[in-house]
Amino acid sequence: MELTVKRKAFLENLPAVVEKAVSEYGIRLRKIVIEEDEKGCYTVWITYESERQAF
Protein backbone atom coordinates (compact mmCIF):
# COMPACT_ATOMS: atom_id res chain seq x y z
CA MET A 1 0.00 0.00 0.00
CA GLU A 2 1.35 3.45 -0.88
CA LEU A 3 1.27 6.23 1.71
CA THR A 4 1.91 9.95 1.21
CA VAL A 5 3.23 12.40 3.79
CA LYS A 6 3.25 16.18 3.53
CA ARG A 7 6.14 18.43 4.57
CA LYS A 8 6.33 22.22 4.39
CA ALA A 9 9.64 23.99 3.68
CA PHE A 10 11.21 27.17 2.39
CA LEU A 11 13.48 27.04 -0.67
CA GLU A 12 16.69 26.90 1.37
CA ASN A 13 15.39 23.86 3.29
CA LEU A 14 14.25 21.78 0.29
CA PRO A 15 17.52 19.86 -0.16
CA ALA A 16 17.47 18.76 3.49
CA VAL A 17 13.81 17.65 3.29
CA VAL A 18 14.47 15.61 0.14
CA GLU A 19 17.68 14.12 1.57
CA LYS A 20 15.88 13.07 4.75
CA ALA A 21 13.07 11.44 2.73
CA VAL A 22 15.55 9.48 0.62
CA SER A 23 17.50 8.28 3.65
CA GLU A 24 14.37 7.49 5.69
CA TYR A 25 12.37 5.60 3.03
CA GLY A 26 15.19 4.24 0.84
CA ILE A 27 14.00 1.81 -1.82
CA ARG A 28 10.40 2.15 -0.58
CA LEU A 29 10.34 5.75 -1.87
CA ARG A 30 8.07 6.04 -4.91
CA LYS A 31 7.97 9.76 -5.71
CA ILE A 32 8.53 13.26 -4.41
CA VAL A 33 6.39 16.15 -5.66
CA ILE A 34 7.28 19.74 -4.78
CA GLU A 35 4.68 22.52 -5.13
CA GLU A 36 5.24 26.24 -4.54
CA ASP A 37 2.47 28.39 -3.10
CA GLU A 38 1.87 32.10 -3.70
CA LYS A 39 3.86 33.07 -0.58
CA GLY A 40 7.05 31.29 -1.67
CA CYS A 41 6.64 28.36 0.68
CA TYR A 42 6.91 24.82 -0.67
CA THR A 43 4.82 21.74 0.02
CA VAL A 44 6.70 18.47 -0.41
CA TRP A 45 4.56 15.38 -1.01
CA ILE A 46 6.52 12.19 -0.29
CA THR A 47 4.97 8.92 -1.49
CA TYR A 48 6.41 5.63 -0.31
CA GLU A 49 5.52 1.96 -0.11
CA SER A 50 4.29 0.90 3.31
CA GLU A 51 6.15 -1.94 5.03
CA ARG A 52 2.87 -3.49 6.13
CA GLN A 53 0.81 -5.39 3.61
CA ALA A 54 -2.94 -4.85 3.59
CA PHE A 55 -5.06 -8.00 3.62
C-alpha atoms as a PDB file:
ATOM      1  CA  MET A   1       0.000   0.000   0.000  1.00  0.00           C
ATOM      2  CA  GLU A   2       1.346   3.453  -0.876  1.00  0.00           C
ATOM      3  CA  LEU A   3       1.274   6.231   1.709  1.00  0.00           C
ATOM      4  CA  THR A   4       1.908   9.950   1.212  1.00  0.00           C
ATOM      5  CA  VAL A   5       3.231  12.404   3.789  1.00  0.00           C
ATOM      6  CA  LYS A   6       3.249  16.178   3.535  1.00  0.00           C
ATOM      7  CA  ARG A   7       6.136  18.428   4.572  1.00  0.00           C
ATOM      8  CA  LYS A   8       6.333  22.221   4.394  1.00  0.00           C
ATOM      9  CA  ALA A   9       9.637  23.993   3.680  1.00  0.00           C
ATOM     10  CA  PHE A  10      11.214  27.167   2.388  1.00  0.00           C
ATOM     11  CA  LEU A  11      13.480  27.042  -0.672  1.00  0.00           C
ATOM     12  CA  GLU A  12      16.690  26.903   1.368  1.00  0.00           C
ATOM     13  CA  ASN A  13      15.390  23.857   3.293  1.00  0.00           C
ATOM     14  CA  LEU A  14      14.251  21.782   0.290  1.00  0.00           C
ATOM     15  CA  PRO A  15      17.517  19.857  -0.160  1.00  0.00           C
ATOM     16  CA  ALA A  16      17.467  18.757   3.494  1.00  0.00           C
ATOM     17  CA  VAL A  17      13.812  17.655   3.295  1.00  0.00           C
ATOM     18  CA  VAL A  18      14.472  15.608   0.139  1.00  0.00           C
ATOM     19  CA  GLU A  19      17.685  14.120   1.566  1.00  0.00           C
ATOM     20  CA  LYS A  20      15.883  13.067   4.746  1.00  0.00           C
ATOM     21  CA  ALA A  21      13.065  11.440   2.733  1.00  0.00           C
ATOM     22  CA  VAL A  22      15.547   9.481   0.621  1.00  0.00           C
ATOM     23  CA  SER A  23      17.495   8.277   3.654  1.00  0.00           C
ATOM     24  CA  GLU A  24      14.372   7.489   5.685  1.00  0.00           C
ATOM     25  CA  TYR A  25      12.375   5.597   3.029  1.00  0.00           C
ATOM     26  CA  GLY A  26      15.193   4.237   0.839  1.00  0.00           C
ATOM     27  CA  ILE A  27      14.000   1.814  -1.819  1.00  0.00           C
ATOM     28  CA  ARG A  28      10.403   2.148  -0.581  1.00  0.00           C
ATOM     29  CA  LEU A  29      10.340   5.749  -1.866  1.00  0.00           C
ATOM     30  CA  ARG A  30       8.071   6.038  -4.910  1.00  0.00           C
ATOM     31  CA  LYS A  31       7.972   9.756  -5.707  1.00  0.00           C
ATOM     32  CA  ILE A  32       8.528  13.257  -4.407  1.00  0.00           C
ATOM     33  CA  VAL A  33       6.388  16.148  -5.658  1.00  0.00           C
ATOM     34  CA  ILE A  34       7.278  19.744  -4.779  1.00  0.00           C
ATOM     35  CA  GLU A  35       4.677  22.518  -5.126  1.00  0.00           C
ATOM     36  CA  GLU A  36       5.237  26.242  -4.543  1.00  0.00           C
ATOM     37  CA  ASP A  37       2.467  28.394  -3.097  1.00  0.00           C
ATOM     38  CA  GLU A  38       1.875  32.103  -3.705  1.00  0.00           C
ATOM     39  CA  LYS A  39       3.861  33.068  -0.582  1.00  0.00           C
ATOM     40  CA  GLY A  40       7.050  31.293  -1.671  1.00  0.00           C
ATOM     41  CA  CYS A  41       6.640  28.360   0.683  1.00  0.00           C
ATOM     42  CA  TYR A  42       6.912  24.821  -0.669  1.00  0.00           C
ATOM     43  CA  THR A  43       4.825  21.739   0.017  1.00  0.00           C
ATOM     44  CA  VAL A  44       6.701  18.466  -0.412  1.00  0.00           C
ATOM     45  CA  TRP A  45       4.555  15.377  -1.006  1.00  0.00           C
ATOM     46  CA  ILE A  46       6.516  12.189  -0.287  1.00  0.00           C
ATOM     47  CA  THR A  47       4.974   8.923  -1.487  1.00  0.00           C
ATOM     48  CA  TYR A  48       6.412   5.633  -0.311  1.00  0.00           C
ATOM     49  CA  GLU A  49       5.516   1.956  -0.111  1.00  0.00           C
ATOM     50  CA  SER A  50       4.292   0.898   3.313  1.00  0.00           C
ATOM     51  CA  GLU A  51       6.148  -1.943   5.030  1.00  0.00           C
ATOM     52  CA  ARG A  52       2.868  -3.485   6.133  1.00  0.00           C
ATOM     53  CA  GLN A  53       0.811  -5.386   3.605  1.00  0.00           C
ATOM     54  CA  ALA A  54      -2.944  -4.849   3.586  1.00  0.00           C
ATOM     55  CA  PHE A  55      -5.060  -7.996   3.616  1.00  0.00           C
END
